């Protein structure tokens, strides 16, 4: 069970990093690659936008990284 949780958190962490990297080049939702990243990461971004309107990608990555460490350590 902890492996599934660990891989899920890692998957979302890499999606957020991928979206952050792609946003340096394009933010056009007509681009299929960016649209893929946008579709899967937007639910993660919504709660953080209320707290941190700027710099939310860093906050999401740090949160996912901490969750991943906690999962590995305590489960």
C-alpha atoms as a PDB file:
ATOM      1  CA  UNK A   1       0.000   0.000   0.000  1.00  0.00           C
ATOM      2  CA  UNK A   2       2.788   2.441   0.874  1.00  0.00           C
ATOM      3  CA  UNK A   3       4.473   1.736  -2.472  1.00  0.00           C
ATOM      4  CA  UNK A   4       1.336   2.778  -4.344  1.00  0.00           C
ATOM      5  CA  UNK A   5       1.077   5.957  -2.292  1.00  0.00           C
ATOM      6  CA  UNK A   6       4.770   6.680  -2.784  1.00  0.00           C
ATOM      7  CA  UNK A   7       4.572   6.219  -6.554  1.00  0.00           C
ATOM      8  CA  UNK A   8       1.400   8.304  -6.786  1.00  0.00           C
ATOM      9  CA  UNK A   9       2.988  11.204  -4.926  1.00  0.00           C
ATOM     10  CA  UNK A  10       6.146  10.880  -7.033  1.00  0.00           C
ATOM     11  CA  UNK A  11       4.046  10.858 -10.220  1.00  0.00           C
ATOM     12  CA  UNK A  12       2.281  14.073  -9.256  1.00  0.00           C
ATOM     13  CA  UNK A  13       5.561  15.658  -8.189  1.00  0.00           C
ATOM     14  CA  UNK A  14       7.067  14.976 -11.618  1.00  0.00           C
ATOM     15  CA  UNK A  15       3.916  16.243 -13.334  1.00  0.00           C
ATOM     16  CA  UNK A  16       4.155  19.529 -11.445  1.00  0.00           C
ATOM     17  CA  UNK A  17       7.851  19.843 -12.300  1.00  0.00           C
ATOM     18  CA  UNK A  18       7.069  19.054 -15.939  1.00  0.00           C
ATOM     19  CA  UNK A  19       4.371  21.704 -16.074  1.00  0.00           C
ATOM     20  CA  UNK A  20       6.695  24.240 -14.475  1.00  0.00           C
ATOM     21  CA  UNK A  21       9.373  23.458 -17.047  1.00  0.00           C
ATOM     22  CA  UNK A  22       6.948  23.651 -19.969  1.00  0.00           C
ATOM     23  CA  UNK A  23       5.528  26.937 -18.726  1.00  0.00           C
ATOM     24  CA  UNK A  24       8.912  28.495 -19.450  1.00  0.00           C
ATOM     25  CA  UNK A  25       8.315  27.811 -23.154  1.00  0.00           C
ATOM     26  CA  UNK A  26       4.543  27.853 -23.622  1.00  0.00           C
ATOM     27  CA  UNK A  27       1.295  28.196 -21.713  1.00  0.00           C
ATOM     28  CA  UNK A  28      -0.927  27.584 -24.723  1.00  0.00           C
ATOM     29  CA  UNK A  29      -3.595  24.971 -23.948  1.00  0.00           C
ATOM     30  CA  UNK A  30      -3.758  24.110 -27.656  1.00  0.00           C
ATOM     31  CA  UNK A  31      -0.366  22.468 -27.248  1.00  0.00           C
ATOM     32  CA  UNK A  32      -1.231  18.803 -26.497  1.00  0.00           C
ATOM     33  CA  UNK A  33       1.739  18.227 -24.199  1.00  0.00           C
ATOM     34  CA  UNK A  34       1.048  21.297 -22.083  1.00  0.00           C
ATOM     35  CA  UNK A  35      -2.682  20.481 -22.084  1.00  0.00           C
ATOM     36  CA  UNK A  36      -1.878  17.022 -20.665  1.00  0.00           C
ATOM     37  CA  UNK A  37       0.181  18.490 -17.829  1.00  0.00           C
ATOM     38  CA  UNK A  38      -2.424  21.184 -17.214  1.00  0.00           C
ATOM     39  CA  UNK A  39      -5.280  18.683 -17.002  1.00  0.00           C
ATOM     40  CA  UNK A  40      -3.596  16.534 -14.359  1.00  0.00           C
ATOM     41  CA  UNK A  41      -1.934  19.245 -12.281  1.00  0.00           C
ATOM     42  CA  UNK A  42      -4.662  21.883 -12.157  1.00  0.00           C
ATOM     43  CA  UNK A  43      -6.510  20.184  -9.235  1.00  0.00           C
ATOM     44  CA  UNK A  44      -3.252  20.396  -7.249  1.00  0.00           C
ATOM     45  CA  UNK A  45      -2.789  24.066  -8.059  1.00  0.00           C
ATOM     46  CA  UNK A  46      -6.257  25.299  -7.025  1.00  0.00           C
ATOM     47  CA  UNK A  47      -5.855  25.076  -3.217  1.00  0.00           C
ATOM     48  CA  UNK A  48      -2.385  26.602  -3.357  1.00  0.00           C
ATOM     49  CA  UNK A  49      -3.550  29.570  -5.455  1.00  0.00           C
ATOM     50  CA  UNK A  50      -5.770  30.716  -2.617  1.00  0.00           C
ATOM     51  CA  UNK A  51      -2.854  30.702  -0.173  1.00  0.00           C
ATOM     52  CA  UNK A  52       0.022  31.710  -2.444  1.00  0.00           C
ATOM     53  CA  UNK A  53      -1.051  33.482  -5.649  1.00  0.00           C
ATOM     54  CA  UNK A  54       2.586  33.630  -6.795  1.00  0.00           C
ATOM     55  CA  UNK A  55       5.167  30.915  -6.361  1.00  0.00           C
ATOM     56  CA  UNK A  56       2.645  28.130  -5.959  1.00  0.00           C
ATOM     57  CA  UNK A  57       4.655  25.635  -8.021  1.00  0.00           C
ATOM     58  CA  UNK A  58       7.474  25.718  -5.504  1.00  0.00           C
ATOM     59  CA  UNK A  59       5.014  25.237  -2.648  1.00  0.00           C
ATOM     60  CA  UNK A  60       3.389  22.265  -4.363  1.00  0.00           C
ATOM     61  CA  UNK A  61       6.722  20.580  -5.103  1.00  0.00           C
ATOM     62  CA  UNK A  62       7.932  21.084  -1.531  1.00  0.00           C
ATOM     63  CA  UNK A  63       4.655  19.755  -0.131  1.00  0.00           C
ATOM     64  CA  UNK A  64       4.737  16.676  -2.368  1.00  0.00           C
ATOM     65  CA  UNK A  65       8.391  16.064  -1.537  1.00  0.00           C
ATOM     66  CA  UNK A  66       7.686  16.229   2.209  1.00  0.00           C
ATOM     67  CA  UNK A  67       4.675  13.920   1.836  1.00  0.00           C
ATOM     68  CA  UNK A  68       6.786  11.462  -0.108  1.00  0.00           C
ATOM     69  CA  UNK A  69       9.474  11.427   2.588  1.00  0.00           C
ATOM     70  CA  UNK A  70       6.846  10.917   5.280  1.00  0.00           C
ATOM     71  CA  UNK A  71       5.307   8.027   3.373  1.00  0.00           C
ATOM     72  CA  UNK A  72       8.670   6.342   2.926  1.00  0.00           C
ATOM     73  CA  UNK A  73       9.703   6.881   6.526  1.00  0.00           C
ATOM     74  CA  UNK A  74       6.522   6.041   8.435  1.00  0.00           C
ATOM     75  CA  UNK A  75       4.673   3.500   6.276  1.00  0.00           C
END
